Amino acid sequence: MDKKKWVIVAVIVLLVIIVVAIEWKSKNNFEISVDAIEQIIVVESADTVKVQVSNDDMVHIIYYEGAGYKYEITEENGVLKIKGDNKTAIKIDIQNSPLIIKIPQDYGKYLEINTEKSASVSEAIDFASISINDNEE
């Protein structure tokens, strides 16, 4: 291989490494007692949202953050709000990392999900009311 081809290959490899480094996400966890909240609202997410059954009496939020994407999770007056903040114009999800919300089966309260991708909710969980706004057709 001549020198020009090696340079092109090196540049391509370097660009791939840079993109991976920028978009690599770390796994994070947030937990709160189900008794402390009356509503769970995913205000905004660029990730797929999966709602699953929790094995205990806690609400577990499992989310991934990287250099260009952060989550803000707050609880105020019984309302748990989850908001994704996309710091870049384009979100490249090389890890296919969903936002996972684990809720006790007998939750019986309100859930609202707003996402740019899709949302799936376990039918085993009891809700007083549920609202899903996603891009699934």
N, C-alpha and C. Protein backbone atom coordinates (compact mmCIF):
# COMPACT_ATOMS: atom_id res chain seq x y z
N MET A 1 0.85 -1.17 0.00
CA MET A 1 0.00 0.00 0.00
C MET A 1 0.90 1.24 0.00
N ASP A 2 0.60 2.17 -0.86
CA ASP A 2 1.44 3.36 -0.92
C ASP A 2 1.10 4.33 0.22
N LYS A 3 1.92 5.35 0.35
CA LYS A 3 1.81 6.30 1.46
C LYS A 3 0.46 7.03 1.47
N LYS A 4 -0.05 7.39 0.31
CA LYS A 4 -1.31 8.13 0.21
C LYS A 4 -2.47 7.30 0.77
N LYS A 5 -2.51 6.02 0.45
CA LYS A 5 -3.56 5.14 0.96
C LYS A 5 -3.46 4.99 2.47
N TRP A 6 -2.25 4.90 2.99
CA TRP A 6 -2.06 4.79 4.45
C TRP A 6 -2.57 6.04 5.16
N VAL A 7 -2.33 7.18 4.57
CA VAL A 7 -2.81 8.43 5.17
C VAL A 7 -4.33 8.46 5.20
N ILE A 8 -4.95 8.06 4.12
CA ILE A 8 -6.41 8.04 4.05
C ILE A 8 -6.97 7.07 5.10
N VAL A 9 -6.39 5.89 5.19
CA VAL A 9 -6.84 4.91 6.20
C VAL A 9 -6.65 5.46 7.61
N ALA A 10 -5.51 6.09 7.86
CA ALA A 10 -5.23 6.66 9.18
C ALA A 10 -6.24 7.76 9.54
N VAL A 11 -6.57 8.60 8.59
CA VAL A 11 -7.54 9.68 8.82
C VAL A 11 -8.92 9.09 9.13
N ILE A 12 -9.33 8.09 8.38
CA ILE A 12 -10.63 7.46 8.60
C ILE A 12 -10.67 6.81 9.99
N VAL A 13 -9.64 6.10 10.37
CA VAL A 13 -9.58 5.47 11.69
C VAL A 13 -9.62 6.53 12.78
N LEU A 14 -8.90 7.61 12.60
CA LEU A 14 -8.89 8.70 13.58
C LEU A 14 -10.28 9.32 13.72
N LEU A 15 -10.97 9.54 12.61
CA LEU A 15 -12.32 10.10 12.66
C LEU A 15 -13.29 9.16 13.39
N VAL A 16 -13.18 7.87 13.15
CA VAL A 16 -14.04 6.90 13.84
C VAL A 16 -13.77 6.93 15.34
N ILE A 17 -12.51 6.99 15.73
CA ILE A 17 -12.15 7.05 17.15
C ILE A 17 -12.71 8.32 17.79
N ILE A 18 -12.64 9.43 17.10
CA ILE A 18 -13.16 10.70 17.63
C ILE A 18 -14.67 10.63 17.83
N VAL A 19 -15.39 10.11 16.84
CA VAL A 19 -16.85 9.99 16.94
C VAL A 19 -17.23 9.07 18.10
N VAL A 20 -16.55 7.95 18.22
CA VAL A 20 -16.84 7.01 19.31
C VAL A 20 -16.55 7.67 20.66
N ALA A 21 -15.45 8.39 20.77
CA ALA A 21 -15.11 9.05 22.03
C ALA A 21 -16.14 10.12 22.41
N ILE A 22 -16.61 10.86 21.43
CA ILE A 22 -17.60 11.91 21.69
C ILE A 22 -18.95 11.31 22.07
N GLU A 23 -19.35 10.25 21.40
CA GLU A 23 -20.69 9.69 21.59
C GLU A 23 -20.75 8.56 22.61
N TRP A 24 -19.63 8.13 23.18
CA TRP A 24 -19.65 7.04 24.14
C TRP A 24 -20.42 7.48 25.37
N LYS A 25 -21.29 6.62 25.87
CA LYS A 25 -22.15 6.98 26.98
C LYS A 25 -21.82 6.14 28.21
N SER A 26 -22.04 6.74 29.37
CA SER A 26 -21.89 6.01 30.62
C SER A 26 -23.27 5.70 31.19
N LYS A 27 -23.36 4.53 31.82
CA LYS A 27 -24.62 4.08 32.41
C LYS A 27 -24.79 4.73 33.78
N ASN A 28 -26.00 5.25 34.04
CA ASN A 28 -26.31 5.90 35.31
C ASN A 28 -27.61 5.33 35.87
N ASN A 29 -27.75 5.44 37.19
CA ASN A 29 -28.95 4.95 37.87
C ASN A 29 -29.50 6.02 38.80
N PHE A 30 -30.82 6.07 38.87
CA PHE A 30 -31.51 6.95 39.80
C PHE A 30 -32.62 6.11 40.44
N GLU A 31 -32.78 6.19 41.76
CA GLU A 31 -33.82 5.44 42.45
C GLU A 31 -34.61 6.36 43.36
N ILE A 32 -35.91 6.07 43.48
CA ILE A 32 -36.76 6.82 44.40
C ILE A 32 -37.89 5.89 44.85
N SER A 33 -38.32 6.06 46.09
CA SER A 33 -39.41 5.24 46.61
C SER A 33 -40.70 5.55 45.86
N VAL A 34 -41.45 4.51 45.55
CA VAL A 34 -42.72 4.70 44.85
C VAL A 34 -43.69 5.52 45.70
N ASP A 35 -43.54 5.49 47.02
CA ASP A 35 -44.42 6.25 47.91
C ASP A 35 -44.18 7.76 47.82
N ALA A 36 -43.02 8.18 47.31
CA ALA A 36 -42.67 9.60 47.24
C ALA A 36 -43.23 10.29 46.00
N ILE A 37 -43.79 9.52 45.06
CA ILE A 37 -44.23 10.13 43.80
C ILE A 37 -45.66 9.74 43.45
N GLU A 38 -46.34 10.65 42.79
CA GLU A 38 -47.70 10.42 42.29
C GLU A 38 -47.73 10.38 40.76
N GLN A 39 -46.70 10.96 40.14
CA GLN A 39 -46.64 11.02 38.67
C GLN A 39 -45.20 10.80 38.21
N ILE A 40 -45.07 10.14 37.07
CA ILE A 40 -43.78 10.04 36.39
C ILE A 40 -43.99 10.64 35.00
N ILE A 41 -43.19 11.65 34.69
CA ILE A 41 -43.32 12.31 33.39
C ILE A 41 -41.96 12.32 32.70
N VAL A 42 -41.89 11.68 31.54
CA VAL A 42 -40.71 11.80 30.67
C VAL A 42 -41.02 13.01 29.80
N VAL A 43 -40.44 14.15 30.20
CA VAL A 43 -40.73 15.42 29.52
C VAL A 43 -40.24 15.37 28.08
N GLU A 44 -39.03 14.83 27.91
CA GLU A 44 -38.42 14.78 26.58
C GLU A 44 -37.31 13.75 26.59
N SER A 45 -37.24 12.94 25.55
CA SER A 45 -36.16 11.97 25.43
C SER A 45 -35.89 11.73 23.95
N ALA A 46 -34.62 11.65 23.60
CA ALA A 46 -34.23 11.30 22.24
C ALA A 46 -33.95 9.80 22.16
N ASP A 47 -34.09 9.11 23.30
CA ASP A 47 -33.85 7.67 23.36
C ASP A 47 -35.16 6.90 23.32
N THR A 48 -35.07 5.63 22.96
CA THR A 48 -36.20 4.73 23.12
C THR A 48 -36.47 4.61 24.61
N VAL A 49 -37.75 4.58 24.99
CA VAL A 49 -38.12 4.47 26.40
C VAL A 49 -38.75 3.09 26.63
N LYS A 50 -38.23 2.38 27.63
CA LYS A 50 -38.76 1.07 28.00
C LYS A 50 -39.22 1.11 29.45
N VAL A 51 -40.48 0.77 29.68
CA VAL A 51 -41.02 0.72 31.03
C VAL A 51 -41.19 -0.74 31.40
N GLN A 52 -40.52 -1.14 32.48
CA GLN A 52 -40.51 -2.53 32.90
C GLN A 52 -40.92 -2.65 34.37
N VAL A 53 -41.19 -3.87 34.80
CA VAL A 53 -41.57 -4.13 36.18
C VAL A 53 -40.33 -4.11 37.07
N SER A 54 -40.44 -3.40 38.20
CA SER A 54 -39.39 -3.35 39.20
C SER A 54 -39.53 -4.56 40.13
N ASN A 55 -38.42 -5.03 40.67
CA ASN A 55 -38.44 -6.18 41.59
C ASN A 55 -38.66 -5.77 43.04
N ASP A 56 -38.81 -4.47 43.30
CA ASP A 56 -38.99 -3.99 44.67
C ASP A 56 -39.99 -2.82 44.67
N ASP A 57 -40.05 -2.07 45.76
CA ASP A 57 -40.99 -0.95 45.88
C ASP A 57 -40.36 0.38 45.48
N MET A 58 -39.35 0.33 44.65
CA MET A 58 -38.66 1.52 44.19
C MET A 58 -38.91 1.73 42.70
N VAL A 59 -38.82 3.00 42.29
CA VAL A 59 -38.80 3.33 40.88
C VAL A 59 -37.33 3.49 40.51
N HIS A 60 -36.90 2.77 39.49
CA HIS A 60 -35.50 2.80 39.05
C HIS A 60 -35.45 3.43 37.66
N ILE A 61 -34.57 4.40 37.50
CA ILE A 61 -34.34 5.01 36.20
C ILE A 61 -32.92 4.63 35.79
N ILE A 62 -32.80 3.97 34.65
CA ILE A 62 -31.49 3.59 34.13
C ILE A 62 -31.33 4.36 32.82
N TYR A 63 -30.29 5.18 32.77
CA TYR A 63 -30.12 6.05 31.62
C TYR A 63 -28.64 6.17 31.27
N TYR A 64 -28.39 6.59 30.05
CA TYR A 64 -27.03 6.70 29.54
C TYR A 64 -26.76 8.14 29.13
N GLU A 65 -25.61 8.65 29.55
CA GLU A 65 -25.22 10.01 29.21
C GLU A 65 -23.86 10.01 28.54
N GLY A 66 -23.69 10.95 27.63
CA GLY A 66 -22.42 11.14 26.95
C GLY A 66 -22.12 12.62 26.83
N ALA A 67 -21.09 12.93 26.07
CA ALA A 67 -20.66 14.33 25.93
C ALA A 67 -21.76 15.20 25.33
N GLY A 68 -22.56 14.63 24.44
CA GLY A 68 -23.58 15.44 23.76
C GLY A 68 -24.98 15.25 24.28
N TYR A 69 -25.18 14.37 25.28
CA TYR A 69 -26.53 14.09 25.74
C TYR A 69 -26.54 13.84 27.24
N LYS A 70 -27.35 14.61 27.95
CA LYS A 70 -27.46 14.51 29.41
C LYS A 70 -28.93 14.39 29.79
N TYR A 71 -29.19 13.79 30.94
CA TYR A 71 -30.53 13.73 31.50
C TYR A 71 -30.59 14.58 32.76
N GLU A 72 -31.73 15.22 32.96
CA GLU A 72 -32.01 15.94 34.19
C GLU A 72 -33.21 15.23 34.82
N ILE A 73 -33.01 14.71 36.04
CA ILE A 73 -34.07 13.99 36.74
C ILE A 73 -34.36 14.74 38.03
N THR A 74 -35.61 15.16 38.19
CA THR A 74 -35.99 15.93 39.38
C THR A 74 -37.28 15.37 39.97
N GLU A 75 -37.44 15.58 41.27
CA GLU A 75 -38.68 15.22 41.95
C GLU A 75 -39.13 16.44 42.74
N GLU A 76 -40.35 16.88 42.47
CA GLU A 76 -40.88 18.03 43.18
C GLU A 76 -42.39 17.86 43.35
N ASN A 77 -42.85 17.97 44.58
CA ASN A 77 -44.27 17.85 44.90
C ASN A 77 -44.90 16.56 44.36
N GLY A 78 -44.16 15.47 44.46
CA GLY A 78 -44.68 14.17 44.03
C GLY A 78 -44.61 13.90 42.55
N VAL A 79 -43.98 14.79 41.78
CA VAL A 79 -43.85 14.62 40.34
C VAL A 79 -42.38 14.33 40.00
N LEU A 80 -42.14 13.14 39.46
CA LEU A 80 -40.80 12.77 39.01
C LEU A 80 -40.70 13.12 37.54
N LYS A 81 -39.80 14.06 37.20
CA LYS A 81 -39.63 14.49 35.81
C LYS A 81 -38.28 14.03 35.29
N ILE A 82 -38.30 13.51 34.07
CA ILE A 82 -37.10 13.02 33.40
C ILE A 82 -37.01 13.77 32.08
N LYS A 83 -35.93 14.51 31.91
CA LYS A 83 -35.78 15.30 30.69
C LYS A 83 -34.40 15.08 30.09
N GLY A 84 -34.39 14.67 28.84
CA GLY A 84 -33.15 14.53 28.10
C GLY A 84 -32.76 15.86 27.48
N ASP A 85 -31.48 16.16 27.50
CA ASP A 85 -30.99 17.42 26.95
C ASP A 85 -29.92 17.12 25.91
N ASN A 86 -30.29 17.29 24.65
CA ASN A 86 -29.39 17.02 23.54
C ASN A 86 -28.55 18.26 23.29
N LYS A 87 -27.26 18.19 23.60
CA LYS A 87 -26.36 19.33 23.45
C LYS A 87 -25.82 19.46 22.02
N THR A 88 -26.02 18.43 21.21
CA THR A 88 -25.53 18.47 19.84
C THR A 88 -26.71 18.53 18.87
N ALA A 89 -26.45 19.00 17.69
CA ALA A 89 -27.50 19.11 16.69
C ALA A 89 -27.96 17.73 16.22
N ILE A 90 -27.03 16.77 16.20
CA ILE A 90 -27.33 15.42 15.75
C ILE A 90 -26.98 14.46 16.88
N LYS A 91 -27.88 13.54 17.18
CA LYS A 91 -27.63 12.54 18.21
C LYS A 91 -27.32 11.23 17.52
N ILE A 92 -26.08 10.78 17.61
CA ILE A 92 -25.66 9.51 17.05
C ILE A 92 -25.67 8.50 18.20
N ASP A 93 -26.49 7.48 18.09
CA ASP A 93 -26.60 6.49 19.17
C ASP A 93 -25.92 5.21 18.75
N ILE A 94 -24.60 5.17 18.89
CA ILE A 94 -23.85 3.99 18.47
C ILE A 94 -24.02 2.84 19.45
N GLN A 95 -24.48 3.12 20.67
CA GLN A 95 -24.65 2.07 21.67
C GLN A 95 -26.07 1.55 21.77
N ASN A 96 -27.02 2.18 21.07
CA ASN A 96 -28.42 1.79 21.14
C ASN A 96 -28.85 1.67 22.60
N SER A 97 -28.75 2.76 23.33
CA SER A 97 -28.97 2.75 24.78
C SER A 97 -30.31 3.40 25.13
N PRO A 98 -31.27 2.58 25.55
CA PRO A 98 -32.60 3.12 25.88
C PRO A 98 -32.63 3.76 27.27
N LEU A 99 -33.65 4.55 27.49
CA LEU A 99 -34.00 5.03 28.82
C LEU A 99 -34.92 3.95 29.40
N ILE A 100 -34.51 3.37 30.54
CA ILE A 100 -35.29 2.30 31.16
C ILE A 100 -35.88 2.80 32.47
N ILE A 101 -37.19 2.63 32.61
CA ILE A 101 -37.88 3.01 33.84
C ILE A 101 -38.49 1.73 34.41
N LYS A 102 -38.07 1.38 35.62
CA LYS A 102 -38.62 0.19 36.28
C LYS A 102 -39.56 0.64 37.39
N ILE A 103 -40.81 0.15 37.31
CA ILE A 103 -41.87 0.58 38.21
C ILE A 103 -42.49 -0.66 38.86
N PRO A 104 -42.83 -0.58 40.16
CA PRO A 104 -43.52 -1.72 40.79
C PRO A 104 -44.82 -2.06 40.06
N GLN A 105 -45.14 -3.33 40.05
CA GLN A 105 -46.30 -3.82 39.31
C GLN A 105 -47.61 -3.17 39.77
N ASP A 106 -47.74 -2.86 41.05
CA ASP A 106 -48.98 -2.27 41.57
C ASP A 106 -48.89 -0.74 41.69
N TYR A 107 -48.15 -0.10 40.82
CA TYR A 107 -47.91 1.35 40.85
C TYR A 107 -49.22 2.14 40.96
N GLY A 108 -50.16 1.94 40.07
CA GLY A 108 -51.49 2.54 40.15
C GLY A 108 -51.54 4.06 40.06
N LYS A 109 -50.53 4.68 39.46
CA LYS A 109 -50.49 6.14 39.37
C LYS A 109 -50.34 6.56 37.92
N TYR A 110 -49.94 7.81 37.69
CA TYR A 110 -49.89 8.44 36.37
C TYR A 110 -48.52 8.28 35.72
N LEU A 111 -48.50 8.00 34.41
CA LEU A 111 -47.26 7.94 33.62
C LEU A 111 -47.49 8.68 32.31
N GLU A 112 -46.56 9.55 31.97
CA GLU A 112 -46.58 10.25 30.68
C GLU A 112 -45.21 10.13 30.05
N ILE A 113 -45.16 9.75 28.77
CA ILE A 113 -43.89 9.60 28.05
C ILE A 113 -43.93 10.42 26.77
N ASN A 114 -42.91 11.26 26.58
CA ASN A 114 -42.72 12.03 25.35
C ASN A 114 -41.32 11.69 24.83
N THR A 115 -41.25 11.05 23.68
CA THR A 115 -39.96 10.64 23.14
C THR A 115 -39.92 10.81 21.63
N GLU A 116 -38.71 11.05 21.12
CA GLU A 116 -38.51 11.18 19.68
C GLU A 116 -38.47 9.82 19.00
N LYS A 117 -38.25 8.77 19.77
CA LYS A 117 -38.15 7.42 19.20
C LYS A 117 -39.41 6.63 19.53
N SER A 118 -39.28 5.49 20.17
CA SER A 118 -40.43 4.66 20.49
C SER A 118 -40.51 4.42 21.99
N ALA A 119 -41.66 3.96 22.42
CA ALA A 119 -41.86 3.64 23.84
C ALA A 119 -42.56 2.30 23.94
N SER A 120 -42.11 1.49 24.91
CA SER A 120 -42.79 0.23 25.19
C SER A 120 -43.03 0.16 26.69
N VAL A 121 -44.24 -0.27 27.06
CA VAL A 121 -44.65 -0.31 28.46
C VAL A 121 -45.14 -1.72 28.78
N SER A 122 -44.62 -2.27 29.87
CA SER A 122 -45.05 -3.60 30.31
C SER A 122 -46.53 -3.56 30.67
N GLU A 123 -47.28 -4.51 30.13
CA GLU A 123 -48.71 -4.60 30.42
C GLU A 123 -48.97 -5.13 31.83
N ALA A 124 -47.93 -5.60 32.50
CA ALA A 124 -48.09 -6.15 33.85
C ALA A 124 -48.20 -5.05 34.91
N ILE A 125 -47.91 -3.81 34.54
CA ILE A 125 -47.93 -2.70 35.50
C ILE A 125 -49.30 -2.04 35.49
N ASP A 126 -49.82 -1.78 36.69
CA ASP A 126 -51.12 -1.12 36.86
C ASP A 126 -50.92 0.40 36.90
N PHE A 127 -51.62 1.12 36.01
CA PHE A 127 -51.55 2.58 35.96
C PHE A 127 -52.94 3.17 36.15
N ALA A 128 -53.01 4.33 36.82
CA ALA A 128 -54.27 5.07 36.90
C ALA A 128 -54.54 5.72 35.55
N SER A 129 -53.47 6.21 34.92
CA SER A 129 -53.57 6.86 33.61
C SER A 129 -52.21 6.77 32.94
N ILE A 130 -52.23 6.62 31.63
CA ILE A 130 -50.97 6.55 30.88
C ILE A 130 -51.13 7.31 29.57
N SER A 131 -50.08 8.09 29.22
CA SER A 131 -50.06 8.86 27.98
C SER A 131 -48.71 8.66 27.32
N ILE A 132 -48.72 8.25 26.05
CA ILE A 132 -47.47 8.02 25.32
C ILE A 132 -47.50 8.83 24.04
N ASN A 133 -46.50 9.70 23.86
CA ASN A 133 -46.33 10.48 22.64
C ASN A 133 -44.97 10.11 22.07
N ASP A 134 -44.98 9.30 21.01
CA ASP A 134 -43.73 8.87 20.40
C ASP A 134 -43.85 8.90 18.89
N ASN A 135 -42.83 8.42 18.21
CA ASN A 135 -42.82 8.42 16.76
C ASN A 135 -43.21 7.07 16.17
N GLU A 136 -43.74 6.17 16.97
CA GLU A 136 -44.21 4.89 16.49
C GLU A 136 -45.53 5.07 15.75
N GLU A 137 -45.67 4.38 14.67
CA GLU A 137 -46.91 4.50 13.90
C GLU A 137 -47.74 3.25 14.04
